Amino acid sequence: GRSVALQDFPAAAVAALEVYKSSSAWRLAGGIAGLVNVRSRRPFDFEGLEIAGSVRGTYANQSESYDPNADILVSNRWNTGVGEVGALVNLSYTSLEYLDSVRWDGGVVGEITDQSADPALAGARFPDAVGVFYGTGERWRPSANVALQWRPNDKLELYVDGLYQGYRGKITDRQFVVPLYGADTTFDNVVLRPGGDVQSLTLTNGLRPEMWQGANTGRTDTWQAAIGGVYTSGPVEWSFDLARTDSTYTFSSYSFDTAFVSTPVADIDFDVPRENGGVEFSFRDFDATDPANYIYRGLFDRRFEGHGDDIQARTDVKFSTGSALFPEVRFGLRYVDRDASYENGERYLNQEDLRIPLTDMPVELTLVQPGFHGSDVQPFRTWVTPTYDSLRENIEELRAIAGFDPGDPAIIPEQTFLANEKAWTGYGQTDFAFNVGVPVEGDIGLRIVATEVTVDGTTRDTVDGVEVFTPVVETSRYTDLLPSLNMRFLLSDTLQFRLAANQTRTRPNFGQLNPGLFVSPNPDSSGLRTANGGNIDLKPIESVNYDATLEYYFGETGSATLGVFRREVDGFIVNVTEDIDDPVYGDLRVTRPQNLDAAVVQGVEAAFTTFLDYDFVPGWARHFGVQVNGTYLEGDLPFLSKYSYNLVGMYENGPVSARLAYNLRTKFETNVLDEYIDDVARLDFSASYSPNDHVTVAFDASNILGEPFRSFFDYGEGLYPRDVRREETIYSLALRYRY
């Protein structure tokens, strides 16, 4: 892709997160909502020798795991015979073992058709399947950055930056599915809810429950290097930067499928009236902890690799004119050449008809670690499964049982794609300042971006019921004129008014342009095969953005702001899912990205912050503060919450600092099967104590409330919960040192 994962940046390596709500011509082209610049540290950030580090231990309440984290930074600068020189080294290691527990109803609704003994039940609707999913695993991230700076004289400064970011993942996801369909399925004890659809039932003679166990590994290695400098002579400042990035992600997946030997009677409530609702199910007279009650069902074997690299160069000139009306002028050039590639190999064989006892397979068996800690819903929480290590260690024996060739699956040519993007940018901008009864200052500019994108992939068609794969190479070229205007009206020493207008263009990710279609090797819980692909005809997202903000600064720590904004968005990209009748696979559920029609997103935001450091407040209370902000949003696009707000309580008193932060985001719609996400709330706490200038002890707690994530789907005549997911609450204790 063209973006970075912020979680890959260790906090110790970040000097600042610079957030720009609106663009100026000299900044990189941002997205619809602005731009975030992650700035790493350099030795001239410090006065001299700097040694800083931390050790941190975390505890996750769902996985019940303890994990170490550590970082160290060493930096210094020296005056030498060739000028001032600085060097910095920063190393970091973070890790986390996690367990996210999900109870889910299937996303397709069926009907009762065979309960002739009770005509009132005919046509009553219910989800097609229920189940439990455990998203489990371990992930750790090593990183390192080095920086060198040289200032030979007062006019010139040069730097060299190097950054390595790594990701390692050991992913052990597990799924348990209870299908609610089948030719011989009968339902008893059916309870209808208001509206006539099913609240709960007892399932008899259905399809046997099925499971899969993943044994996956993921790895990312990203290398970045840059060289640049700044030269200042009188009113002119000239800067340049040449950078190279290379990133590779590899993934290996072994999915081992099992099933019950028979179908036990199941009691199912699709939306319990307890706790946070959602499905609850259990089995009668069936020992799910006995390995003899399982058979082997199939093996999925996959590996893929994604690679991206770029080279980018820019040069900028800033000129102080001495003019009161136009005090500063900027202009510059930038060139970027990006490459991306994707290779995938996969194979699957269903062998359930052999009915091989699970105990006969060359794997070590264990019970799934149960989840849903802190909940009394869902009594069925564990089942028999192979261990992660035995699947990885015995994969060649499992491949032989499936009849696969030894080694990793071969790359599938029709699922391979290459992409290249070249972009040439030029901009010009001038600051301005004048007085119209009140002082006004700002900037106006134009950024011109010429882009050329080439995608080399394979399209899938069907001719007379046979798949036909056709190589395709498509090149698109377009040029964008991106104007920007920012103005600030200084109404008084404490009151100012801002206006901003700009145009942005956000390109699709390379993966979204991949013309290939990947069809799943086996049907999902509804009996449908699913397929995912890209769209070579995707267009960039265009947006015209307007902002107006009134800001009042009533004290050293106090401010109040009120803003309105409008985004005129054309071509917003979403994944669209539709069911088609495929000549090869029959019913096929296909998901591809598409551009949406033009839409408007607009709203109001307000913020207030202050410490209670006022003369009329008692002395003890002056150490407390508060931050409040909220946003009202409206627009005909998915993923938009109408309301979101943050409430933060603060305390600062000498060596003691503390924050308690509450965030709420109201429900928002997705674009998948008429789903929406319910309100999401989080409460976080952080506190630190610094007995001296060198040592700090810090405690953090995130997601204290542990309120589950909940989604729902609308089937046209009512709602059923889709997912109820319990996520980790994480506590950490850290010791930080600085010299």
Foldseek 3Di string as FASTA:
>chain_A
DPDDDPVLDPPVFFPDWDWDQFDAQVDDFDDLRGDIDTDGDAQVVDPFWKKWKKKKWKAWPFVRDIWIWMKIKTKGWDQDPQAIKIKMKIKIKDKDWWKKKKKFFALDKDADPPPVVDVLRGGAIGGFKIWMKIWTWMKMKIKMKMKMWGDRDPFKIKMKIKIKIKMKIFTKMKMKMDGQDDDPKDWPPFDADPLSHTQKIKIDPDDWIKMKIKGKMKMKIKIKMKIKMWGDDPQKIKIKMKMKMKMKMKMWIKMWMKTFPGHFIKIKGQFDPDDRTGIAMDGPPDDQADLQRMFTWKIKTKMKMKIKMKIKMKMKMKGQDPDQFWGIKMKMKMKMKMKMKMWMFMDMDTDVVVRHRPVPDQFDKDKDDFGPPPDPGHPDGIGIDGDSVRCVVCVQVVCVVRVHDPDHGDTDQQQIKMKMKMKIKIKMKTWGWDDDPFIKIWMKMKMKMKMKMKMWHWAWDDDPLHIDIDTDIDMDIDMDIKIKIKMKTPPDPFKIKIKIKIKGWAADDPQQLHNGKAWDPAADSNRAIEIEGHHVPADIKIKIKIKMKMKGADDPWKIKMKMKMKIWIAFDKAWAWDWDQRSHRGTYIYIHIGTDGIKMKIWMKMKIKDAPCDPVDDPVRSQKMKIKMKMAMDMDDFPDFRIKMKIKIWGDDVQKTKIKMKIKTAKTFGNPQQKIKGIDMWIKMKMWGDPDPFKIKIKIKIRVVQQWTWMWHDPPSDIGTGMTMGTIIMIMIMMMGMD
